[in-house]
Amino acid sequence: MTQSPNHDLLLDQIATALKQRGLASVALAFLEVGQPLAFIGGQLIWLAQPAMRLLWPQARVRHIAQFMEDPAAVRSLMNVLAADEASV
């Protein structure tokens, strides 16, 4: 899958939101265990898109689904979260 120009921005936003909420280590553990299922998570987001558009803009939901479908993007998020955990 071709990486969208919004992937880096979305990666930073997700990592920042997880860190601010104190969920970085929990998210990292879930991503490590469930990384093979991330693609399925992206597909579930596509299915839930009509309902999710009530909470978030359509473009945001689409970017998150595309992000979750991309194994390289998920690994990048894991690397960012792991680096932050190591620096603490």
PDB file of N, CA and C in Angstrom:
ATOM      1  N   MET A   1       0.844  -1.175   0.000  1.00  0.00           N
ATOM      2  CA  MET A   1       0.000   0.000   0.000  1.00  0.00           C
ATOM      3  C   MET A   1       0.886   1.234   0.000  1.00  0.00           C
ATOM      4  N   THR A   2       0.544   2.240  -0.762  1.00  0.00           N
ATOM      5  CA  THR A   2       1.294   3.471  -0.843  1.00  0.00           C
ATOM      6  C   THR A   2       1.024   4.325   0.387  1.00  0.00           C
ATOM      7  N   GLN A   3       2.096   4.865   0.947  1.00  0.00           N
ATOM      8  CA  GLN A   3       1.945   5.665   2.155  1.00  0.00           C
ATOM      9  C   GLN A   3       1.397   7.037   1.811  1.00  0.00           C
ATOM     10  N   SER A   4       0.345   7.422   2.511  1.00  0.00           N
ATOM     11  CA  SER A   4      -0.291   8.715   2.322  1.00  0.00           C
ATOM     12  C   SER A   4       0.566   9.803   2.952  1.00  0.00           C
ATOM     13  N   PRO A   5       0.541  11.028   2.393  1.00  0.00           N
ATOM     14  CA  PRO A   5       1.314  12.108   3.002  1.00  0.00           C
ATOM     15  C   PRO A   5       0.823  12.443   4.408  1.00  0.00           C
ATOM     16  N   ASN A   6      -0.392  12.036   4.727  1.00  0.00           N
ATOM     17  CA  ASN A   6      -0.941  12.325   6.049  1.00  0.00           C
ATOM     18  C   ASN A   6      -0.529  11.297   7.090  1.00  0.00           C
ATOM     19  N   HIS A   7       0.176  10.222   6.678  1.00  0.00           N
ATOM     20  CA  HIS A   7       0.547   9.168   7.625  1.00  0.00           C
ATOM     21  C   HIS A   7       1.430   9.705   8.747  1.00  0.00           C
ATOM     22  N   ASP A   8       2.442  10.515   8.409  1.00  0.00           N
ATOM     23  CA  ASP A   8       3.347  11.033   9.432  1.00  0.00           C
ATOM     24  C   ASP A   8       2.614  11.944  10.404  1.00  0.00           C
ATOM     25  N   LEU A   9       1.751  12.785   9.878  1.00  0.00           N
ATOM     26  CA  LEU A   9       0.974  13.674  10.731  1.00  0.00           C
ATOM     27  C   LEU A   9       0.036  12.872  11.623  1.00  0.00           C
ATOM     28  N   LEU A  10      -0.631  11.896  11.050  1.00  0.00           N
ATOM     29  CA  LEU A  10      -1.545  11.058  11.819  1.00  0.00           C
ATOM     30  C   LEU A  10      -0.781  10.251  12.863  1.00  0.00           C
ATOM     31  N   LEU A  11       0.382   9.729  12.502  1.00  0.00           N
ATOM     32  CA  LEU A  11       1.209   8.988  13.446  1.00  0.00           C
ATOM     33  C   LEU A  11       1.562   9.863  14.639  1.00  0.00           C
ATOM     34  N   ASP A  12       1.981  11.085  14.390  1.00  0.00           N
ATOM     35  CA  ASP A  12       2.319  12.009  15.472  1.00  0.00           C
ATOM     36  C   ASP A  12       1.103  12.326  16.337  1.00  0.00           C
ATOM     37  N   GLN A  13      -0.048  12.521  15.717  1.00  0.00           N
ATOM     38  CA  GLN A  13      -1.260  12.832  16.469  1.00  0.00           C
ATOM     39  C   GLN A  13      -1.687  11.661  17.347  1.00  0.00           C
ATOM     40  N   ILE A  14      -1.618  10.456  16.809  1.00  0.00           N
ATOM     41  CA  ILE A  14      -1.996   9.272  17.590  1.00  0.00           C
ATOM     42  C   ILE A  14      -1.023   9.075  18.745  1.00  0.00           C
ATOM     43  N   ALA A  15       0.268   9.155  18.465  1.00  0.00           N
ATOM     44  CA  ALA A  15       1.277   8.967  19.520  1.00  0.00           C
ATOM     45  C   ALA A  15       1.128  10.026  20.610  1.00  0.00           C
ATOM     46  N   THR A  16       0.917  11.263  20.225  1.00  0.00           N
ATOM     47  CA  THR A  16       0.752  12.341  21.203  1.00  0.00           C
ATOM     48  C   THR A  16      -0.489  12.125  22.051  1.00  0.00           C
ATOM     49  N   ALA A  17      -1.599  11.754  21.414  1.00  0.00           N
ATOM     50  CA  ALA A  17      -2.841  11.525  22.163  1.00  0.00           C
ATOM     51  C   ALA A  17      -2.671  10.376  23.152  1.00  0.00           C
ATOM     52  N   LEU A  18      -2.006   9.306  22.741  1.00  0.00           N
ATOM     53  CA  LEU A  18      -1.790   8.176  23.646  1.00  0.00           C
ATOM     54  C   LEU A  18      -0.901   8.571  24.818  1.00  0.00           C
ATOM     55  N   LYS A  19       0.152   9.336  24.542  1.00  0.00           N
ATOM     56  CA  LYS A  19       1.054   9.777  25.618  1.00  0.00           C
ATOM     57  C   LYS A  19       0.338  10.701  26.597  1.00  0.00           C
ATOM     58  N   GLN A  20      -0.456  11.631  26.079  1.00  0.00           N
ATOM     59  CA  GLN A  20      -1.168  12.573  26.945  1.00  0.00           C
ATOM     60  C   GLN A  20      -2.147  11.860  27.868  1.00  0.00           C
ATOM     61  N   ARG A  21      -2.710  10.776  27.412  1.00  0.00           N
ATOM     62  CA  ARG A  21      -3.691  10.031  28.208  1.00  0.00           C
ATOM     63  C   ARG A  21      -3.038   8.941  29.059  1.00  0.00           C
ATOM     64  N   GLY A  22      -1.715   8.811  28.960  1.00  0.00           N
ATOM     65  CA  GLY A  22      -0.999   7.806  29.727  1.00  0.00           C
ATOM     66  C   GLY A  22      -1.223   6.392  29.221  1.00  0.00           C
ATOM     67  N   LEU A  23      -1.558   6.258  27.947  1.00  0.00           N
ATOM     68  CA  LEU A  23      -1.882   4.955  27.376  1.00  0.00           C
ATOM     69  C   LEU A  23      -0.818   4.434  26.417  1.00  0.00           C
ATOM     70  N   ALA A  24       0.326   5.088  26.368  1.00  0.00           N
ATOM     71  CA  ALA A  24       1.346   4.702  25.394  1.00  0.00           C
ATOM     72  C   ALA A  24       1.829   3.270  25.619  1.00  0.00           C
ATOM     73  N   SER A  25       2.122   2.899  26.856  1.00  0.00           N
ATOM     74  CA  SER A  25       2.637   1.548  27.111  1.00  0.00           C
ATOM     75  C   SER A  25       1.557   0.494  26.882  1.00  0.00           C
ATOM     76  N   VAL A  26       0.311   0.808  27.228  1.00  0.00           N
ATOM     77  CA  VAL A  26      -0.794  -0.127  26.991  1.00  0.00           C
ATOM     78  C   VAL A  26      -1.016  -0.306  25.491  1.00  0.00           C
ATOM     79  N   ALA A  27      -1.011   0.800  24.763  1.00  0.00           N
ATOM     80  CA  ALA A  27      -1.197   0.731  23.310  1.00  0.00           C
ATOM     81  C   ALA A  27      -0.065  -0.044  22.657  1.00  0.00           C
ATOM     82  N   LEU A  28       1.155   0.171  23.139  1.00  0.00           N
ATOM     83  CA  LEU A  28       2.298  -0.555  22.581  1.00  0.00           C
ATOM     84  C   LEU A  28       2.141  -2.055  22.809  1.00  0.00           C
ATOM     85  N   ALA A  29       1.701  -2.443  23.996  1.00  0.00           N
ATOM     86  CA  ALA A  29       1.498  -3.870  24.283  1.00  0.00           C
ATOM     87  C   ALA A  29       0.424  -4.459  23.369  1.00  0.00           C
ATOM     88  N   PHE A  30      -0.684  -3.740  23.198  1.00  0.00           N
ATOM     89  CA  PHE A  30      -1.748  -4.225  22.321  1.00  0.00           C
ATOM     90  C   PHE A  30      -1.279  -4.316  20.875  1.00  0.00           C
ATOM     91  N   LEU A  31      -0.502  -3.329  20.433  1.00  0.00           N
ATOM     92  CA  LEU A  31      -0.003  -3.356  19.056  1.00  0.00           C
ATOM     93  C   LEU A  31       0.973  -4.503  18.845  1.00  0.00           C
ATOM     94  N   GLU A  32       1.818  -4.772  19.830  1.00  0.00           N
ATOM     95  CA  GLU A  32       2.771  -5.870  19.693  1.00  0.00           C
ATOM     96  C   GLU A  32       2.052  -7.211  19.589  1.00  0.00           C
ATOM     97  N   VAL A  33       1.045  -7.391  20.412  1.00  0.00           N
ATOM     98  CA  VAL A  33       0.305  -8.651  20.407  1.00  0.00           C
ATOM     99  C   VAL A  33      -0.613  -8.745  19.186  1.00  0.00           C
ATOM    100  N   GLY A  34      -1.267  -7.656  18.870  1.00  0.00           N
ATOM    101  CA  GLY A  34      -2.276  -7.689  17.819  1.00  0.00           C
ATOM    102  C   GLY A  34      -1.854  -7.149  16.479  1.00  0.00           C
ATOM    103  N   GLN A  35      -0.558  -6.942  16.277  1.00  0.00           N
ATOM    104  CA  GLN A  35      -0.102  -6.375  15.005  1.00  0.00           C
ATOM    105  C   GLN A  35      -0.621  -7.135  13.790  1.00  0.00           C
ATOM    106  N   PRO A  36      -0.650  -8.461  13.805  1.00  0.00           N
ATOM    107  CA  PRO A  36      -1.192  -9.156  12.631  1.00  0.00           C
ATOM    108  C   PRO A  36      -2.675  -8.862  12.397  1.00  0.00           C
ATOM    109  N   LEU A  37      -3.373  -8.422  13.416  1.00  0.00           N
ATOM    110  CA  LEU A  37      -4.803  -8.144  13.283  1.00  0.00           C
ATOM    111  C   LEU A  37      -5.101  -6.684  12.949  1.00  0.00           C
ATOM    112  N   ALA A  38      -4.068  -5.864  12.829  1.00  0.00           N
ATOM    113  CA  ALA A  38      -4.278  -4.442  12.551  1.00  0.00           C
ATOM    114  C   ALA A  38      -5.026  -4.235  11.234  1.00  0.00           C
ATOM    115  N   PHE A  39      -4.715  -5.048  10.237  1.00  0.00           N
ATOM    116  CA  PHE A  39      -5.407  -4.927   8.955  1.00  0.00           C
ATOM    117  C   PHE A  39      -6.904  -5.163   9.134  1.00  0.00           C
ATOM    118  N   ILE A  40      -7.247  -6.169   9.926  1.00  0.00           N
ATOM    119  CA  ILE A  40      -8.665  -6.450  10.187  1.00  0.00           C
ATOM    120  C   ILE A  40      -9.307  -5.277  10.926  1.00  0.00           C
ATOM    121  N   GLY A  41      -8.552  -4.664  11.846  1.00  0.00           N
ATOM    122  CA  GLY A  41      -9.057  -3.477  12.536  1.00  0.00           C
ATOM    123  C   GLY A  41      -9.358  -2.358  11.562  1.00  0.00           C
ATOM    124  N   GLY A  42      -8.486  -2.172  10.573  1.00  0.00           N
ATOM    125  CA  GLY A  42      -8.735  -1.169   9.539  1.00  0.00           C
ATOM    126  C   GLY A  42      -9.997  -1.471   8.756  1.00  0.00           C
ATOM    127  N   GLN A  43     -10.197  -2.758   8.452  1.00  0.00           N
ATOM    128  CA  GLN A  43     -11.406  -3.149   7.732  1.00  0.00           C
ATOM    129  C   GLN A  43     -12.661  -2.904   8.573  1.00  0.00           C
ATOM    130  N   LEU A  44     -12.562  -3.143   9.874  1.00  0.00           N
ATOM    131  CA  LEU A  44     -13.699  -2.878  10.762  1.00  0.00           C
ATOM    132  C   LEU A  44     -14.022  -1.387  10.826  1.00  0.00           C
ATOM    133  N   ILE A  45     -12.990  -0.567  10.761  1.00  0.00           N
ATOM    134  CA  ILE A  45     -13.220   0.880  10.736  1.00  0.00           C
ATOM    135  C   ILE A  45     -13.968   1.264   9.465  1.00  0.00           C
ATOM    136  N   TRP A  46     -13.584   0.645   8.327  1.00  0.00           N
ATOM    137  CA  TRP A  46     -14.316   0.923   7.077  1.00  0.00           C
ATOM    138  C   TRP A  46     -15.793   0.556   7.233  1.00  0.00           C
ATOM    139  N   LEU A  47     -16.062  -0.589   7.878  1.00  0.00           N
ATOM    140  CA  LEU A  47     -17.451  -1.017   8.066  1.00  0.00           C
ATOM    141  C   LEU A  47     -18.211  -0.076   9.001  1.00  0.00           C
ATOM    142  N   ALA A  48     -17.518   0.425  10.007  1.00  0.00           N
ATOM    143  CA  ALA A  48     -18.163   1.303  10.988  1.00  0.00           C
ATOM    144  C   ALA A  48     -18.132   2.768  10.568  1.00  0.00           C
ATOM    145  N   GLN A  49     -17.588   3.048   9.402  1.00  0.00           N
ATOM    146  CA  GLN A  49     -17.414   4.437   8.961  1.00  0.00           C
ATOM    147  C   GLN A  49     -18.699   5.263   9.003  1.00  0.00           C
ATOM    148  N   PRO A  50     -19.841   4.755   8.576  1.00  0.00           N
ATOM    149  CA  PRO A  50     -21.045   5.602   8.642  1.00  0.00           C
ATOM    150  C   PRO A  50     -21.364   6.071  10.068  1.00  0.00           C
ATOM    151  N   ALA A  51     -21.204   5.194  11.042  1.00  0.00           N
ATOM    152  CA  ALA A  51     -21.472   5.575  12.431  1.00  0.00           C
ATOM    153  C   ALA A  51     -20.367   6.478  12.980  1.00  0.00           C
ATOM    154  N   MET A  52     -19.125   6.183  12.610  1.00  0.00           N
ATOM    155  CA  MET A  52     -17.999   6.966  13.115  1.00  0.00           C
ATOM    156  C   MET A  52     -18.020   8.394  12.589  1.00  0.00           C
ATOM    157  N   ARG A  53     -18.643   8.597  11.415  1.00  0.00           N
ATOM    158  CA  ARG A  53     -18.716   9.947  10.855  1.00  0.00           C
ATOM    159  C   ARG A  53     -19.582  10.857  11.710  1.00  0.00           C
ATOM    160  N   LEU A  54     -20.366  10.286  12.599  1.00  0.00           N
ATOM    161  CA  LEU A  54     -21.140  11.107  13.528  1.00  0.00           C
ATOM    162  C   LEU A  54     -20.230  11.763  14.566  1.00  0.00           C
ATOM    163  N   LEU A  55     -19.091  11.140  14.830  1.00  0.00           N
ATOM    164  CA  LEU A  55     -18.168  11.643  15.843  1.00  0.00           C
ATOM    165  C   LEU A  55     -16.970  12.375  15.265  1.00  0.00           C
ATOM    166  N   TRP A  56     -16.494  11.913  14.103  1.00  0.00           N
ATOM    167  CA  TRP A  56     -15.303  12.482  13.492  1.00  0.00           C
ATOM    168  C   TRP A  56     -15.568  12.779  12.020  1.00  0.00           C
ATOM    169  N   PRO A  57     -14.817  13.707  11.443  1.00  0.00           N
ATOM    170  CA  PRO A  57     -14.972  13.986  10.008  1.00  0.00           C
ATOM    171  C   PRO A  57     -14.639  12.753   9.165  1.00  0.00           C
ATOM    172  N   GLN A  58     -15.285  12.633   8.032  1.00  0.00           N
ATOM    173  CA  GLN A  58     -15.108  11.483   7.153  1.00  0.00           C
ATOM    174  C   GLN A  58     -13.647  11.284   6.757  1.00  0.00           C
ATOM    175  N   ALA A  59     -12.949  12.372   6.464  1.00  0.00           N
ATOM    176  CA  ALA A  59     -11.547  12.259   6.058  1.00  0.00           C
ATOM    177  C   ALA A  59     -10.704  11.672   7.185  1.00  0.00           C
ATOM    178  N   ARG A  60     -10.997  12.043   8.419  1.00  0.00           N
ATOM    179  CA  ARG A  60     -10.243  11.533   9.576  1.00  0.00           C
ATOM    180  C   ARG A  60     -10.447  10.019   9.717  1.00  0.00           C
ATOM    181  N   VAL A  61     -11.683   9.580   9.600  1.00  0.00           N
ATOM    182  CA  VAL A  61     -12.001   8.156   9.710  1.00  0.00           C
ATOM    183  C   VAL A  61     -11.297   7.382   8.592  1.00  0.00           C
ATOM    184  N   ARG A  62     -11.317   7.928   7.396  1.00  0.00           N
ATOM    185  CA  ARG A  62     -10.669   7.280   6.250  1.00  0.00           C
ATOM    186  C   ARG A  62      -9.159   7.165   6.485  1.00  0.00           C
ATOM    187  N   HIS A  63      -8.531   8.226   7.001  1.00  0.00           N
ATOM    188  CA  HIS A  63      -7.094   8.201   7.249  1.00  0.00           C
ATOM    189  C   HIS A  63      -6.730   7.176   8.322  1.00  0.00           C
ATOM    190  N   ILE A  64      -7.540   7.072   9.353  1.00  0.00           N
ATOM    191  CA  ILE A  64      -7.268   6.089  10.404  1.00  0.00           C
ATOM    192  C   ILE A  64      -7.385   4.675   9.848  1.00  0.00           C
ATOM    193  N   ALA A  65      -8.412   4.424   9.034  1.00  0.00           N
ATOM    194  CA  ALA A  65      -8.577   3.097   8.438  1.00  0.00           C
ATOM    195  C   ALA A  65      -7.386   2.760   7.536  1.00  0.00           C
ATOM    196  N   GLN A  66      -6.965   3.707   6.726  1.00  0.00           N
ATOM    197  CA  GLN A  66      -5.818   3.481   5.845  1.00  0.00           C
ATOM    198  C   GLN A  66      -4.547   3.260   6.653  1.00  0.00           C
ATOM    199  N   PHE A  67      -4.402   3.993   7.740  1.00  0.00           N
ATOM    200  CA  PHE A  67      -3.245   3.849   8.612  1.00  0.00           C
ATOM    201  C   PHE A  67      -3.192   2.446   9.201  1.00  0.00           C
ATOM    202  N   MET A  68      -4.327   1.966   9.692  1.00  0.00           N
ATOM    203  CA  MET A  68      -4.381   0.648  10.324  1.00  0.00           C
ATOM    204  C   MET A  68      -4.138  -0.478   9.315  1.00  0.00           C
ATOM    205  N   GLU A  69      -4.479  -0.263   8.062  1.00  0.00           N
ATOM    206  CA  GLU A  69      -4.273  -1.273   7.025  1.00  0.00           C
ATOM    207  C   GLU A  69      -2.820  -1.384   6.581  1.00  0.00           C
ATOM    208  N   ASP A  70      -2.025  -0.400   6.907  1.00  0.00           N
ATOM    209  CA  ASP A  70      -0.638  -0.347   6.449  1.00  0.00           C
ATOM    210  C   ASP A  70       0.297  -0.898   7.531  1.00  0.00           C
ATOM    211  N   PRO A  71       0.853  -2.091   7.337  1.00  0.00           N
ATOM    212  CA  PRO A  71       1.728  -2.680   8.363  1.00  0.00           C
ATOM    213  C   PRO A  71       2.936  -1.798   8.692  1.00  0.00           C
ATOM    214  N   ALA A  72       3.462  -1.093   7.705  1.00  0.00           N
ATOM    215  CA  ALA A  72       4.614  -0.214   7.956  1.00  0.00           C
ATOM    216  C   ALA A  72       4.220   0.947   8.866  1.00  0.00           C
ATOM    217  N   ALA A  73       3.019   1.474   8.696  1.00  0.00           N
ATOM    218  CA  ALA A  73       2.555   2.571   9.544  1.00  0.00           C
ATOM    219  C   ALA A  73       2.355   2.100  10.980  1.00  0.00           C
ATOM    220  N   VAL A  74       1.807   0.903  11.137  1.00  0.00           N
ATOM    221  CA  VAL A  74       1.610   0.355  12.486  1.00  0.00           C
ATOM    222  C   VAL A  74       2.966   0.120  13.147  1.00  0.00           C
ATOM    223  N   ARG A  75       3.942  -0.414  12.410  1.00  0.00           N
ATOM    224  CA  ARG A  75       5.287  -0.603  12.961  1.00  0.00           C
ATOM    225  C   ARG A  75       5.924   0.731  13.326  1.00  0.00           C
ATOM    226  N   SER A  76       5.678   1.761  12.519  1.00  0.00           N
ATOM    227  CA  SER A  76       6.219   3.090  12.826  1.00  0.00           C
ATOM    228  C   SER A  76       5.643   3.612  14.135  1.00  0.00           C
ATOM    229  N   LEU A  77       4.342   3.424  14.328  1.00  0.00           N
ATOM    230  CA  LEU A  77       3.717   3.846  15.583  1.00  0.00           C
ATOM    231  C   LEU A  77       4.320   3.076  16.752  1.00  0.00           C
ATOM    232  N   MET A  78       4.519   1.783  16.573  1.00  0.00           N
ATOM    233  CA  MET A  78       5.130   0.979  17.632  1.00  0.00           C
ATOM    234  C   MET A  78       6.540   1.472  17.943  1.00  0.00           C
ATOM    235  N   ASN A  79       7.305   1.825  16.920  1.00  0.00           N
ATOM    236  CA  ASN A  79       8.668   2.328  17.127  1.00  0.00           C
ATOM    237  C   ASN A  79       8.671   3.644  17.883  1.00  0.00           C
ATOM    238  N   VAL A  80       7.735   4.536  17.537  1.00  0.00           N
ATOM    239  CA  VAL A  80       7.639   5.832  18.224  1.00  0.00           C
ATOM    240  C   VAL A  80       7.293   5.623  19.696  1.00  0.00           C
ATOM    241  N   LEU A  81       6.307   4.763  19.949  1.00  0.00           N
ATOM    242  CA  LEU A  81       5.884   4.510  21.321  1.00  0.00           C
ATOM    243  C   LEU A  81       6.999   3.825  22.123  1.00  0.00           C
ATOM    244  N   ALA A  82       7.709   2.889  21.496  1.00  0.00           N
ATOM    245  CA  ALA A  82       8.804   2.186  22.170  1.00  0.00           C
ATOM    246  C   ALA A  82       9.946   3.140  22.487  1.00  0.00           C
ATOM    247  N   ALA A  83      10.260   4.033  21.549  1.00  0.00           N
ATOM    248  CA  ALA A  83      11.340   5.002  21.782  1.00  0.00           C
ATOM    249  C   ALA A  83      10.969   5.939  22.933  1.00  0.00           C
ATOM    250  N   ASP A  84       9.719   6.332  22.998  1.00  0.00           N
ATOM    251  CA  ASP A  84       9.281   7.210  24.084  1.00  0.00           C
ATOM    252  C   ASP A  84       9.322   6.495  25.428  1.00  0.00           C
ATOM    253  N   GLU A  85       8.958   5.205  25.425  1.00  0.00           N
ATOM    254  CA  GLU A  85       8.994   4.411  26.659  1.00  0.00           C
ATOM    255  C   GLU A  85      10.432   4.255  27.134  1.00  0.00           C
ATOM    256  N   ALA A  86      11.362   4.060  26.204  1.00  0.00           N
ATOM    257  CA  ALA A  86      12.764   3.864  26.554  1.00  0.00           C
ATOM    258  C   ALA A  86      13.386   5.145  27.099  1.00  0.00           C
ATOM    259  N   SER A  87      12.897   6.294  26.643  1.00  0.00           N
ATOM    260  CA  SER A  87      13.471   7.569  27.094  1.00  0.00           C
ATOM    261  C   SER A  87      12.932   8.020  28.439  1.00  0.00           C
ATOM    262  N   VAL A  88      11.875   7.372  28.918  1.00  0.00           N
ATOM    263  CA  VAL A  88      11.274   7.773  30.208  1.00  0.00           C
ATOM    264  C   VAL A  88      11.981   7.117  31.350  1.00  0.00           C
TER     265      VAL A  88
END
